[in-house]
Amino acid sequence: MVAISTLTRVDRSPIEEQEFYKETIADLEQLQLQGSETSVWLAGWGKSNMTPDEPVELVGYAPRGNYEFVQDSSFVKALALSNGETTVAWLNYELLIVHPQLAKEIQSEIRKQSLPIDQVVFTATHTHAGMGGYMPGPLGEIAFGGYQEETVELIVNKTLTALNQALATQDSTTIQYKK
């Protein structure tokens, strides 16, 4: 019954004709971007190993249980870029996704520690062979290792380590682009 209720038609029309595309383009055309007239750019990066000391469940398409060994450690990597007025941090995780609850906890800790970061961009490698334990809710419980507070705390703490490294190593840089 569930399979039948989730069946839908595949829209094969050109993407330019699809409503979501038209809305996105309209939103982008109205977007007010702020330029930077500063003469200095700062960039720094850091990384931190966030592999748990004890095995945790793996993520994937179905419950997989705890990992048995570590072939490659899992890292969070941070890039901090500043024009002297605004600092943006890009965070990349060796995780399946960055769940909104995890992002919320990380942003809360950034504010709590008064880090000079104005915007955070979260990205993930989308590995199906990484650790779970950071996704709340029924689906998280079924296929993504559930929600273990210790795992979330580890990811948050290691994120702050990487961010502090990125901020501490900031140095002058140049940014160029070519059309």
N, C-alpha and C. Protein backbone atom coordinates (compact mmCIF):
# COMPACT_ATOMS: atom_id res chain seq x y z
N MET A 1 0.81 -1.19 0.00
CA MET A 1 0.00 0.00 0.00
C MET A 1 0.87 1.27 0.00
N VAL A 2 1.96 1.25 0.76
CA VAL A 2 2.84 2.41 0.81
C VAL A 2 3.45 2.66 -0.57
N ALA A 3 3.89 1.61 -1.25
CA ALA A 3 4.50 1.77 -2.58
C ALA A 3 3.52 2.39 -3.56
N ILE A 4 2.29 1.95 -3.52
CA ILE A 4 1.29 2.48 -4.44
C ILE A 4 1.01 3.95 -4.14
N SER A 5 0.97 4.33 -2.86
CA SER A 5 0.66 5.71 -2.51
C SER A 5 1.80 6.68 -2.81
N THR A 6 3.00 6.16 -3.04
CA THR A 6 4.13 7.05 -3.33
C THR A 6 4.49 7.09 -4.81
N LEU A 7 3.78 6.37 -5.64
CA LEU A 7 4.03 6.40 -7.08
C LEU A 7 3.66 7.77 -7.63
N THR A 8 4.46 8.23 -8.56
CA THR A 8 4.20 9.52 -9.18
C THR A 8 4.71 9.52 -10.61
N ARG A 9 4.33 10.49 -11.36
CA ARG A 9 4.75 10.63 -12.75
C ARG A 9 6.13 11.31 -12.79
N VAL A 10 6.98 10.88 -13.71
CA VAL A 10 8.28 11.50 -13.91
C VAL A 10 8.12 12.63 -14.92
N ASP A 11 8.50 13.83 -14.53
CA ASP A 11 8.40 14.99 -15.42
C ASP A 11 9.62 15.03 -16.32
N ARG A 12 9.45 14.75 -17.58
CA ARG A 12 10.57 14.72 -18.52
C ARG A 12 10.61 15.97 -19.40
N SER A 13 9.85 16.99 -19.02
CA SER A 13 9.88 18.23 -19.79
C SER A 13 11.23 18.92 -19.57
N PRO A 14 11.65 19.78 -20.50
CA PRO A 14 12.94 20.48 -20.32
C PRO A 14 12.94 21.26 -19.00
N ILE A 15 14.08 21.26 -18.35
CA ILE A 15 14.18 21.88 -17.03
C ILE A 15 13.78 23.35 -17.08
N GLU A 16 14.08 24.04 -18.18
CA GLU A 16 13.75 25.46 -18.30
C GLU A 16 12.25 25.71 -18.26
N GLU A 17 11.44 24.69 -18.56
CA GLU A 17 9.99 24.83 -18.55
C GLU A 17 9.35 24.44 -17.22
N GLN A 18 10.13 23.92 -16.30
CA GLN A 18 9.59 23.47 -15.03
C GLN A 18 9.46 24.64 -14.05
N GLU A 19 8.40 24.61 -13.27
CA GLU A 19 8.05 25.74 -12.40
C GLU A 19 9.15 26.06 -11.38
N PHE A 20 9.73 25.04 -10.76
CA PHE A 20 10.77 25.30 -9.76
C PHE A 20 11.95 26.05 -10.38
N TYR A 21 12.28 25.72 -11.63
CA TYR A 21 13.39 26.36 -12.32
C TYR A 21 13.07 27.83 -12.58
N LYS A 22 11.87 28.09 -13.06
CA LYS A 22 11.45 29.47 -13.33
C LYS A 22 11.47 30.30 -12.05
N GLU A 23 10.99 29.73 -10.95
CA GLU A 23 10.98 30.43 -9.67
C GLU A 23 12.41 30.72 -9.19
N THR A 24 13.30 29.74 -9.35
CA THR A 24 14.69 29.93 -8.92
C THR A 24 15.36 31.03 -9.72
N ILE A 25 15.18 31.03 -11.02
CA ILE A 25 15.78 32.07 -11.87
C ILE A 25 15.22 33.45 -11.50
N ALA A 26 13.91 33.52 -11.27
CA ALA A 26 13.29 34.80 -10.87
C ALA A 26 13.87 35.28 -9.55
N ASP A 27 14.03 34.37 -8.59
CA ASP A 27 14.61 34.74 -7.29
C ASP A 27 16.05 35.23 -7.45
N LEU A 28 16.82 34.55 -8.29
CA LEU A 28 18.21 34.95 -8.50
C LEU A 28 18.31 36.32 -9.17
N GLU A 29 17.41 36.61 -10.08
CA GLU A 29 17.43 37.90 -10.76
C GLU A 29 17.10 39.04 -9.81
N GLN A 30 16.34 38.77 -8.75
CA GLN A 30 15.97 39.79 -7.78
C GLN A 30 16.95 39.87 -6.61
N LEU A 31 17.89 38.96 -6.54
CA LEU A 31 18.84 38.89 -5.44
C LEU A 31 19.74 40.12 -5.45
N GLN A 32 19.83 40.78 -4.31
CA GLN A 32 20.68 41.96 -4.17
C GLN A 32 22.02 41.52 -3.57
N LEU A 33 23.02 41.40 -4.41
CA LEU A 33 24.34 40.99 -3.94
C LEU A 33 25.14 42.20 -3.50
N GLN A 34 25.89 42.02 -2.43
CA GLN A 34 26.74 43.09 -1.95
C GLN A 34 28.15 42.85 -2.45
N GLY A 35 28.74 43.86 -3.01
CA GLY A 35 30.12 43.76 -3.47
C GLY A 35 31.08 44.08 -2.34
N SER A 36 32.32 43.85 -2.57
CA SER A 36 33.34 44.15 -1.58
C SER A 36 34.34 45.12 -2.18
N GLU A 37 34.53 46.21 -1.51
CA GLU A 37 35.49 47.20 -1.98
C GLU A 37 36.76 47.18 -1.13
N THR A 38 36.88 46.17 -0.25
CA THR A 38 38.06 46.12 0.60
C THR A 38 39.26 45.68 -0.23
N SER A 39 40.42 46.06 0.23
CA SER A 39 41.64 45.72 -0.50
C SER A 39 42.32 44.49 0.08
N VAL A 40 41.76 43.95 1.15
CA VAL A 40 42.40 42.81 1.81
C VAL A 40 41.43 41.64 1.88
N TRP A 41 41.93 40.47 1.55
CA TRP A 41 41.19 39.23 1.73
C TRP A 41 42.02 38.34 2.63
N LEU A 42 41.35 37.65 3.53
CA LEU A 42 42.01 36.72 4.43
C LEU A 42 41.42 35.33 4.22
N ALA A 43 42.27 34.32 4.24
CA ALA A 43 41.80 32.94 4.12
C ALA A 43 42.61 32.06 5.06
N GLY A 44 41.94 31.09 5.65
CA GLY A 44 42.61 30.12 6.51
C GLY A 44 41.84 28.82 6.47
N TRP A 45 42.53 27.72 6.77
CA TRP A 45 41.83 26.45 6.76
C TRP A 45 42.30 25.59 7.92
N GLY A 46 41.44 24.63 8.25
CA GLY A 46 41.75 23.69 9.32
C GLY A 46 41.00 22.40 9.10
N LYS A 47 41.43 21.37 9.78
CA LYS A 47 40.72 20.10 9.72
C LYS A 47 40.86 19.39 11.04
N SER A 48 39.90 18.50 11.31
CA SER A 48 39.93 17.76 12.56
C SER A 48 39.36 16.36 12.32
N ASN A 49 40.03 15.38 12.88
CA ASN A 49 39.59 13.99 12.76
C ASN A 49 38.40 13.78 13.68
N MET A 50 37.26 13.39 13.10
CA MET A 50 36.05 13.20 13.90
C MET A 50 35.64 11.72 13.97
N THR A 51 36.59 10.82 13.76
CA THR A 51 36.31 9.39 13.87
C THR A 51 36.10 9.06 15.34
N PRO A 52 34.96 8.47 15.69
CA PRO A 52 34.72 8.12 17.10
C PRO A 52 35.74 7.08 17.60
N ASP A 53 36.08 7.15 18.88
CA ASP A 53 37.00 6.17 19.48
C ASP A 53 36.38 4.78 19.52
N GLU A 54 35.08 4.72 19.72
CA GLU A 54 34.35 3.45 19.78
C GLU A 54 33.47 3.34 18.54
N PRO A 55 33.29 2.13 18.00
CA PRO A 55 32.46 1.95 16.80
C PRO A 55 31.03 2.48 16.98
N VAL A 56 30.53 3.12 15.93
CA VAL A 56 29.15 3.59 15.86
C VAL A 56 28.52 3.00 14.61
N GLU A 57 27.21 3.13 14.49
CA GLU A 57 26.52 2.58 13.33
C GLU A 57 26.90 3.32 12.07
N LEU A 58 26.91 2.58 10.97
CA LEU A 58 27.16 3.15 9.65
C LEU A 58 25.85 3.61 9.02
N VAL A 59 25.94 4.60 8.15
CA VAL A 59 24.77 5.02 7.38
C VAL A 59 24.69 4.19 6.12
N GLY A 60 23.58 4.28 5.45
CA GLY A 60 23.45 3.55 4.20
C GLY A 60 22.02 3.46 3.77
N TYR A 61 21.74 2.50 2.95
CA TYR A 61 20.39 2.32 2.43
C TYR A 61 19.52 1.52 3.38
N ALA A 62 20.12 0.86 4.33
CA ALA A 62 19.40 0.02 5.29
C ALA A 62 20.26 -0.09 6.55
N PRO A 63 19.68 -0.56 7.64
CA PRO A 63 20.49 -0.72 8.87
C PRO A 63 21.72 -1.59 8.60
N ARG A 64 22.88 -1.12 9.04
CA ARG A 64 24.12 -1.85 8.77
C ARG A 64 24.89 -2.20 10.03
N GLY A 65 24.49 -1.67 11.16
CA GLY A 65 25.21 -1.97 12.39
C GLY A 65 26.48 -1.15 12.54
N ASN A 66 27.21 -1.43 13.61
CA ASN A 66 28.45 -0.70 13.90
C ASN A 66 29.56 -1.14 12.96
N TYR A 67 30.46 -0.20 12.67
CA TYR A 67 31.62 -0.57 11.86
C TYR A 67 32.54 -1.45 12.70
N GLU A 68 33.33 -2.26 12.00
CA GLU A 68 34.22 -3.20 12.68
C GLU A 68 35.67 -2.72 12.72
N PHE A 69 36.05 -1.89 11.76
CA PHE A 69 37.41 -1.35 11.72
C PHE A 69 37.37 -0.03 10.96
N VAL A 70 38.44 0.74 11.09
CA VAL A 70 38.55 2.03 10.39
C VAL A 70 39.64 1.91 9.35
N GLN A 71 39.25 2.03 8.09
CA GLN A 71 40.23 2.03 7.01
C GLN A 71 40.72 3.45 6.76
N ASP A 72 39.79 4.40 6.73
CA ASP A 72 40.12 5.81 6.55
C ASP A 72 39.36 6.61 7.59
N SER A 73 40.03 7.48 8.29
CA SER A 73 39.38 8.31 9.29
C SER A 73 38.43 9.31 8.63
N SER A 74 37.46 9.77 9.39
CA SER A 74 36.50 10.78 8.91
C SER A 74 36.91 12.15 9.44
N PHE A 75 36.92 13.13 8.55
CA PHE A 75 37.36 14.48 8.92
C PHE A 75 36.27 15.51 8.68
N VAL A 76 36.37 16.59 9.42
CA VAL A 76 35.65 17.82 9.10
C VAL A 76 36.73 18.81 8.68
N LYS A 77 36.48 19.50 7.58
CA LYS A 77 37.44 20.48 7.07
C LYS A 77 36.77 21.84 7.03
N ALA A 78 37.52 22.87 7.38
CA ALA A 78 36.97 24.23 7.46
C ALA A 78 37.83 25.19 6.65
N LEU A 79 37.15 26.07 5.94
CA LEU A 79 37.79 27.16 5.21
C LEU A 79 37.13 28.45 5.70
N ALA A 80 37.92 29.38 6.19
CA ALA A 80 37.40 30.68 6.63
C ALA A 80 37.91 31.75 5.68
N LEU A 81 36.98 32.49 5.11
CA LEU A 81 37.32 33.53 4.15
C LEU A 81 36.71 34.84 4.62
N SER A 82 37.53 35.89 4.65
CA SER A 82 37.06 37.19 5.16
C SER A 82 37.55 38.32 4.26
N ASN A 83 36.70 39.33 4.12
CA ASN A 83 37.10 40.54 3.40
C ASN A 83 37.43 41.66 4.40
N GLY A 84 37.61 41.30 5.64
CA GLY A 84 37.90 42.28 6.69
C GLY A 84 36.64 42.82 7.35
N GLU A 85 35.49 42.58 6.73
CA GLU A 85 34.21 43.02 7.29
C GLU A 85 33.29 41.84 7.58
N THR A 86 33.31 40.85 6.71
CA THR A 86 32.45 39.68 6.84
C THR A 86 33.29 38.42 6.72
N THR A 87 33.02 37.45 7.58
CA THR A 87 33.72 36.17 7.52
C THR A 87 32.73 35.06 7.23
N VAL A 88 33.06 34.27 6.22
CA VAL A 88 32.25 33.12 5.83
C VAL A 88 33.08 31.87 6.09
N ALA A 89 32.45 30.87 6.69
CA ALA A 89 33.11 29.59 6.94
C ALA A 89 32.44 28.51 6.10
N TRP A 90 33.25 27.78 5.35
CA TRP A 90 32.76 26.62 4.61
C TRP A 90 33.20 25.39 5.39
N LEU A 91 32.24 24.55 5.71
CA LEU A 91 32.52 23.32 6.44
C LEU A 91 32.20 22.13 5.55
N ASN A 92 33.12 21.19 5.47
CA ASN A 92 32.89 19.98 4.70
C ASN A 92 33.07 18.78 5.61
N TYR A 93 32.08 17.91 5.59
CA TYR A 93 32.06 16.73 6.45
C TYR A 93 32.12 15.46 5.62
N GLU A 94 32.85 14.48 6.09
CA GLU A 94 32.83 13.16 5.48
C GLU A 94 31.66 12.39 6.10
N LEU A 95 30.47 12.82 5.70
CA LEU A 95 29.20 12.27 6.17
C LEU A 95 28.27 12.13 4.97
N LEU A 96 27.18 11.40 5.18
CA LEU A 96 26.17 11.27 4.13
C LEU A 96 25.53 12.62 3.82
N ILE A 97 25.05 13.29 4.86
CA ILE A 97 24.47 14.63 4.75
C ILE A 97 24.80 15.39 6.03
N VAL A 98 24.55 16.68 6.01
CA VAL A 98 24.57 17.46 7.23
C VAL A 98 23.09 17.69 7.57
N HIS A 99 22.61 16.96 8.57
CA HIS A 99 21.21 17.06 8.96
C HIS A 99 20.96 18.46 9.55
N PRO A 100 19.79 19.04 9.28
CA PRO A 100 19.49 20.38 9.82
C PRO A 100 19.66 20.48 11.34
N GLN A 101 19.37 19.42 12.06
CA GLN A 101 19.55 19.45 13.52
C GLN A 101 21.03 19.57 13.89
N LEU A 102 21.88 18.87 13.16
CA LEU A 102 23.33 18.97 13.39
C LEU A 102 23.81 20.38 13.06
N ALA A 103 23.37 20.92 11.93
CA ALA A 103 23.76 22.29 11.55
C ALA A 103 23.33 23.29 12.62
N LYS A 104 22.13 23.12 13.14
CA LYS A 104 21.61 24.01 14.18
C LYS A 104 22.47 23.95 15.44
N GLU A 105 22.88 22.75 15.83
CA GLU A 105 23.72 22.61 17.03
C GLU A 105 25.10 23.24 16.82
N ILE A 106 25.64 23.10 15.62
CA ILE A 106 26.95 23.69 15.32
C ILE A 106 26.85 25.22 15.32
N GLN A 107 25.82 25.76 14.69
CA GLN A 107 25.65 27.22 14.67
C GLN A 107 25.44 27.76 16.08
N SER A 108 24.72 27.03 16.90
CA SER A 108 24.52 27.45 18.29
C SER A 108 25.84 27.51 19.04
N GLU A 109 26.69 26.52 18.83
CA GLU A 109 27.99 26.50 19.52
C GLU A 109 28.91 27.61 18.99
N ILE A 110 28.83 27.91 17.70
CA ILE A 110 29.62 29.02 17.14
C ILE A 110 29.23 30.33 17.83
N ARG A 111 27.91 30.54 17.99
CA ARG A 111 27.43 31.76 18.68
C ARG A 111 27.86 31.75 20.14
N LYS A 112 27.72 30.60 20.79
CA LYS A 112 28.06 30.48 22.21
C LYS A 112 29.53 30.81 22.45
N GLN A 113 30.39 30.41 21.53
CA GLN A 113 31.83 30.68 21.67
C GLN A 113 32.23 32.03 21.07
N SER A 114 31.26 32.78 20.56
CA SER A 114 31.49 34.12 19.99
C SER A 114 32.57 34.12 18.90
N LEU A 115 32.55 33.07 18.07
CA LEU A 115 33.51 33.05 16.97
C LEU A 115 33.12 34.12 15.95
N PRO A 116 34.11 34.80 15.38
CA PRO A 116 33.83 35.89 14.44
C PRO A 116 33.45 35.37 13.04
N ILE A 117 32.32 34.66 12.98
CA ILE A 117 31.85 34.07 11.73
C ILE A 117 30.45 34.61 11.47
N ASP A 118 30.25 35.18 10.29
CA ASP A 118 28.96 35.77 9.94
C ASP A 118 28.05 34.81 9.20
N GLN A 119 28.63 33.87 8.47
CA GLN A 119 27.83 32.93 7.68
C GLN A 119 28.54 31.59 7.64
N VAL A 120 27.76 30.51 7.67
CA VAL A 120 28.32 29.17 7.61
C VAL A 120 27.68 28.43 6.43
N VAL A 121 28.52 27.79 5.63
CA VAL A 121 28.05 26.97 4.52
C VAL A 121 28.42 25.53 4.86
N PHE A 122 27.40 24.66 4.90
CA PHE A 122 27.61 23.25 5.24
C PHE A 122 27.61 22.41 3.98
N THR A 123 28.61 21.52 3.84
CA THR A 123 28.66 20.57 2.74
C THR A 123 29.04 19.20 3.28
N ALA A 124 28.70 18.16 2.52
CA ALA A 124 29.06 16.79 2.91
C ALA A 124 29.50 16.03 1.67
N THR A 125 30.36 15.05 1.87
CA THR A 125 30.85 14.25 0.76
C THR A 125 29.80 13.27 0.25
N HIS A 126 28.78 13.03 1.01
CA HIS A 126 27.69 12.09 0.70
C HIS A 126 28.18 10.65 0.64
N THR A 127 29.00 10.28 1.61
CA THR A 127 29.48 8.91 1.67
C THR A 127 28.42 7.99 2.25
N HIS A 128 28.24 6.85 1.65
CA HIS A 128 27.34 5.82 2.18
C HIS A 128 28.12 4.82 3.02
N ALA A 129 29.36 5.13 3.31
CA ALA A 129 30.19 4.24 4.12
C ALA A 129 30.71 4.96 5.35
N GLY A 130 30.03 6.02 5.74
CA GLY A 130 30.47 6.80 6.89
C GLY A 130 29.67 6.53 8.13
N MET A 131 30.02 7.25 9.17
CA MET A 131 29.35 7.04 10.45
C MET A 131 27.96 7.65 10.45
N GLY A 132 27.10 7.05 11.25
CA GLY A 132 25.77 7.57 11.49
C GLY A 132 25.68 8.05 12.92
N GLY A 133 24.45 8.18 13.39
CA GLY A 133 24.26 8.55 14.78
C GLY A 133 24.00 10.03 15.00
N TYR A 134 23.76 10.79 13.94
CA TYR A 134 23.55 12.23 14.09
C TYR A 134 22.23 12.70 13.47
N MET A 135 21.35 11.75 13.12
CA MET A 135 20.08 12.10 12.48
C MET A 135 18.91 11.68 13.34
N PRO A 136 18.17 12.64 13.88
CA PRO A 136 17.02 12.30 14.71
C PRO A 136 15.83 11.85 13.86
N GLY A 137 14.85 11.27 14.52
CA GLY A 137 13.61 10.91 13.85
C GLY A 137 13.56 9.46 13.41
N PRO A 138 12.38 9.04 12.96
CA PRO A 138 12.18 7.63 12.57
C PRO A 138 13.09 7.18 11.43
N LEU A 139 13.24 7.99 10.38
CA LEU A 139 14.10 7.60 9.27
C LEU A 139 15.55 7.52 9.73
N GLY A 140 15.97 8.44 10.55
CA GLY A 140 17.32 8.39 11.11
C GLY A 140 17.54 7.12 11.90
N GLU A 141 16.53 6.70 12.63
CA GLU A 141 16.61 5.48 13.43
C GLU A 141 16.68 4.23 12.56
N ILE A 142 15.92 4.23 11.47
CA ILE A 142 15.84 3.05 10.61
C ILE A 142 17.12 2.84 9.80
N ALA A 143 17.60 3.87 9.14
CA ALA A 143 18.68 3.67 8.17
C ALA A 143 19.94 4.49 8.42
N PHE A 144 19.92 5.40 9.38
CA PHE A 144 21.06 6.30 9.51
C PHE A 144 21.71 6.30 10.89
N GLY A 145 21.59 5.21 11.59
CA GLY A 145 22.29 5.08 12.86
C GLY A 145 21.65 5.81 14.02
N GLY A 146 20.43 6.32 13.82
CA GLY A 146 19.72 6.97 14.91
C GLY A 146 20.35 8.29 15.34
N TYR A 147 20.15 8.61 16.60
CA TYR A 147 20.65 9.86 17.14
C TYR A 147 21.31 9.57 18.48
N GLN A 148 22.63 9.64 18.49
CA GLN A 148 23.38 9.47 19.74
C GLN A 148 24.02 10.80 20.10
N GLU A 149 23.66 11.31 21.25
CA GLU A 149 24.16 12.61 21.69
C GLU A 149 25.69 12.65 21.70
N GLU A 150 26.34 11.53 22.06
CA GLU A 150 27.81 11.51 22.10
C GLU A 150 28.40 11.75 20.70
N THR A 151 27.76 11.18 19.68
CA THR A 151 28.25 11.35 18.31
C THR A 151 28.07 12.80 17.88
N VAL A 152 26.91 13.37 18.19
CA VAL A 152 26.65 14.77 17.84
C VAL A 152 27.64 15.68 18.55
N GLU A 153 27.88 15.46 19.83
CA GLU A 153 28.84 16.28 20.57
C GLU A 153 30.24 16.17 19.97
N LEU A 154 30.63 14.96 19.55
CA LEU A 154 31.93 14.76 18.93
C LEU A 154 32.04 15.59 17.64
N ILE A 155 31.01 15.50 16.79
CA ILE A 155 31.04 16.24 15.53
C ILE A 155 31.08 17.75 15.79
N VAL A 156 30.28 18.22 16.73
CA VAL A 156 30.27 19.65 17.06
C VAL A 156 31.64 20.09 17.58
N ASN A 157 32.20 19.33 18.51
CA ASN A 157 33.51 19.70 19.08
C ASN A 157 34.61 19.70 18.04
N LYS A 158 34.62 18.70 17.17
CA LYS A 158 35.64 18.63 16.13
C LYS A 158 35.45 19.74 15.09
N THR A 159 34.20 20.12 14.85
CA THR A 159 33.92 21.25 13.95
C THR A 159 34.53 22.52 14.52
N LEU A 160 34.34 22.75 15.82
CA LEU A 160 34.89 23.95 16.44
C LEU A 160 36.41 23.94 16.42
N THR A 161 37.02 22.77 16.56
CA THR A 161 38.48 22.66 16.46
C THR A 161 38.94 23.08 15.07
N ALA A 162 38.28 22.56 14.02
CA ALA A 162 38.65 22.91 12.65
C ALA A 162 38.41 24.39 12.37
N LEU A 163 37.29 24.93 12.86
CA LEU A 163 37.00 26.36 12.66
C LEU A 163 38.03 27.24 13.35
N ASN A 164 38.40 26.89 14.57
CA ASN A 164 39.41 27.69 15.27
C ASN A 164 40.75 27.64 14.56
N GLN A 165 41.11 26.48 13.99
CA GLN A 165 42.34 26.38 13.20
C GLN A 165 42.25 27.29 11.97
N ALA A 166 41.10 27.24 11.30
CA ALA A 166 40.92 28.06 10.09
C ALA A 166 41.03 29.54 10.41
N LEU A 167 40.43 29.96 11.51
CA LEU A 167 40.50 31.37 11.90
C LEU A 167 41.92 31.77 12.31
N ALA A 168 42.60 30.87 13.03
CA ALA A 168 43.95 31.16 13.51
C ALA A 168 44.98 31.21 12.39
N THR A 169 44.72 30.49 11.29
CA THR A 169 45.70 30.45 10.20
C THR A 169 45.37 31.44 9.08
N GLN A 170 44.38 32.29 9.29
CA GLN A 170 44.04 33.24 8.23
C GLN A 170 45.23 34.13 7.91
N ASP A 171 45.43 34.32 6.63
CA ASP A 171 46.51 35.17 6.15
C ASP A 171 46.01 35.86 4.88
N SER A 172 46.71 36.88 4.46
CA SER A 172 46.27 37.61 3.28
C SER A 172 46.34 36.72 2.05
N THR A 173 45.38 36.94 1.17
CA THR A 173 45.28 36.14 -0.05
C THR A 173 44.66 36.99 -1.15
N THR A 174 44.68 36.49 -2.35
CA THR A 174 43.98 37.16 -3.44
C THR A 174 42.93 36.22 -4.00
N ILE A 175 41.88 36.81 -4.50
CA ILE A 175 40.81 36.03 -5.13
C ILE A 175 40.65 36.57 -6.54
N GLN A 176 40.65 35.68 -7.48
CA GLN A 176 40.48 36.07 -8.87
C GLN A 176 39.45 35.17 -9.52
N TYR A 177 38.78 35.70 -10.50
CA TYR A 177 37.86 34.90 -11.29
C TYR A 177 37.91 35.37 -12.73
N LYS A 178 37.49 34.50 -13.59
CA LYS A 178 37.53 34.80 -15.02
C LYS A 178 36.20 34.35 -15.63
N LYS A 179 35.61 35.21 -16.41
CA LYS A 179 34.36 34.84 -17.08
C LYS A 179 34.64 34.03 -18.32
